[in-house]
């Protein structure tokens, strides 16, 4: 059974940092494309960052230069380092497998106060 479990969200002031983690079970992250999405209240879920099985990364324009996606194969974990956070980064952040059958985690809430 595949499970993706996110953690690391919380309340932070604008300009602060958070690191989100996504621990996977039932799949091997290193051979999958993995992504972080977010959904703000009243808005559609949107792609934030993706890391391919080969290690290539891509980012949405609104987080380029501020967020970094990475992967620890030994821990079977994907991370999202978020720096210089803005109030508009507020939302629920989801980890997702993007290879084959799509899986989603339950999400972790990020709230950035001004």
Protein backbone atom coordinates (compact mmCIF):
# COMPACT_ATOMS: atom_id res chain seq x y z
CA UNK A 1 0.00 0.00 0.00
CA UNK A 2 1.37 3.39 -1.01
CA UNK A 3 1.45 6.14 1.59
CA UNK A 4 2.82 9.67 1.37
CA UNK A 5 2.99 11.51 4.68
CA UNK A 6 3.79 15.22 4.75
CA UNK A 7 5.00 17.15 7.76
CA UNK A 8 6.75 20.40 8.60
CA UNK A 9 4.00 22.90 8.03
CA UNK A 10 3.11 25.59 10.51
CA UNK A 11 2.70 29.28 11.15
CA UNK A 12 5.56 31.56 10.17
CA UNK A 13 6.03 35.28 9.67
CA UNK A 14 6.65 36.74 6.24
CA UNK A 15 10.30 36.40 5.33
CA UNK A 16 10.69 33.23 7.37
CA UNK A 17 11.47 29.68 6.34
CA UNK A 18 9.98 26.21 6.63
CA UNK A 19 11.08 22.80 5.44
CA UNK A 20 8.40 20.35 4.44
CA UNK A 21 9.03 16.60 4.38
CA UNK A 22 7.22 13.84 2.53
CA UNK A 23 8.00 10.32 3.70
CA UNK A 24 6.97 7.57 1.31
CA UNK A 25 6.14 3.94 1.94
CA UNK A 26 5.18 1.34 -0.63
CA UNK A 27 7.15 3.07 -3.38
CA UNK A 28 10.78 3.95 -4.00
CA UNK A 29 11.04 7.69 -4.50
CA UNK A 30 14.32 7.55 -6.41
CA UNK A 31 12.64 5.90 -9.41
CA UNK A 32 9.63 8.17 -9.43
CA UNK A 33 8.93 11.75 -10.40
CA UNK A 34 7.73 13.51 -7.29
CA UNK A 35 6.11 16.89 -6.88
CA UNK A 36 4.85 19.39 -4.35
CA UNK A 37 1.52 21.09 -4.97
CA UNK A 38 -0.35 23.65 -2.92
CA UNK A 39 -3.92 24.78 -2.59
CA UNK A 40 -4.95 28.11 -1.15
CA UNK A 41 -8.48 28.65 0.19
CA UNK A 42 -10.93 29.09 -2.67
CA UNK A 43 -8.29 28.36 -5.31
CA UNK A 44 -7.32 25.40 -7.44
CA UNK A 45 -4.45 23.16 -6.53
CA UNK A 46 -1.27 24.28 -8.30
CA UNK A 47 2.12 22.79 -8.99
CA UNK A 48 4.95 24.23 -6.90
CA UNK A 49 7.97 22.08 -7.75
CA UNK A 50 8.89 18.75 -9.26
CA UNK A 51 11.91 16.47 -9.07
CA UNK A 52 12.37 13.72 -11.62
CA UNK A 53 13.76 10.25 -11.06
CA UNK A 54 16.96 11.54 -12.66
CA UNK A 55 17.20 14.39 -10.20
CA UNK A 56 16.19 17.23 -12.48
CA UNK A 57 14.08 19.92 -10.86
CA UNK A 58 11.58 22.46 -12.08
CA UNK A 59 9.72 25.21 -10.27
CA UNK A 60 6.68 27.38 -10.69
CA UNK A 61 7.66 30.94 -11.50
CA UNK A 62 6.16 32.21 -8.26
CA UNK A 63 8.62 30.20 -6.12
CA UNK A 64 11.77 30.27 -8.25
CA UNK A 65 14.76 31.42 -6.24
CA UNK A 66 12.91 30.92 -2.93
CA UNK A 67 11.97 27.21 -2.77
CA UNK A 68 14.14 24.15 -3.27
CA UNK A 69 12.93 20.60 -3.83
CA UNK A 70 15.27 17.76 -2.94
CA UNK A 71 15.27 14.06 -2.22
CA UNK A 72 17.03 11.77 0.26
CA UNK A 73 16.99 8.30 -1.26
CA UNK A 74 18.23 6.61 1.90
CA UNK A 75 15.30 8.04 3.84
CA UNK A 76 12.85 7.69 0.96
CA UNK A 77 11.88 11.28 1.61
CA UNK A 78 11.28 14.35 -0.53
CA UNK A 79 11.74 17.82 0.91
CA UNK A 80 10.61 21.31 0.07
CA UNK A 81 12.79 24.02 1.57
CA UNK A 82 10.83 27.27 1.56
CA UNK A 83 12.64 30.54 2.18
CA UNK A 84 11.55 34.18 2.02
CA UNK A 85 7.97 33.13 2.59
CA UNK A 86 5.17 35.48 1.62
CA UNK A 87 1.55 35.65 2.83
CA UNK A 88 0.46 34.45 -0.62
CA UNK A 89 2.36 31.20 0.00
CA UNK A 90 -0.32 30.28 2.55
CA UNK A 91 -2.12 27.05 1.76
CA UNK A 92 -2.16 23.31 2.17
CA UNK A 93 0.93 21.71 0.64
CA UNK A 94 0.66 18.25 -0.85
CA UNK A 95 3.24 15.71 -1.91
CA UNK A 96 2.39 13.67 -5.01
CA UNK A 97 3.83 10.89 -7.08
CA UNK A 98 3.68 11.84 -10.76
CA UNK A 99 4.87 8.58 -12.36
CA UNK A 100 2.20 6.06 -13.32
CA UNK A 101 -0.66 6.01 -10.85
CA UNK A 102 -0.88 9.39 -9.12
CA UNK A 103 -0.80 9.33 -5.35
CA UNK A 104 -1.35 12.19 -2.92
CA UNK A 105 -0.49 12.75 0.68
CA UNK A 106 -2.94 14.23 3.17
CA UNK A 107 -1.31 17.65 3.06
CA UNK A 108 0.30 19.95 5.58
CA UNK A 109 -0.90 23.46 6.36
CA UNK A 110 1.43 26.41 5.81
CA UNK A 111 0.33 29.80 7.09
CA UNK A 112 2.43 32.91 6.47
CA UNK A 113 1.47 35.99 8.45
CA UNK A 114 2.22 39.51 7.29
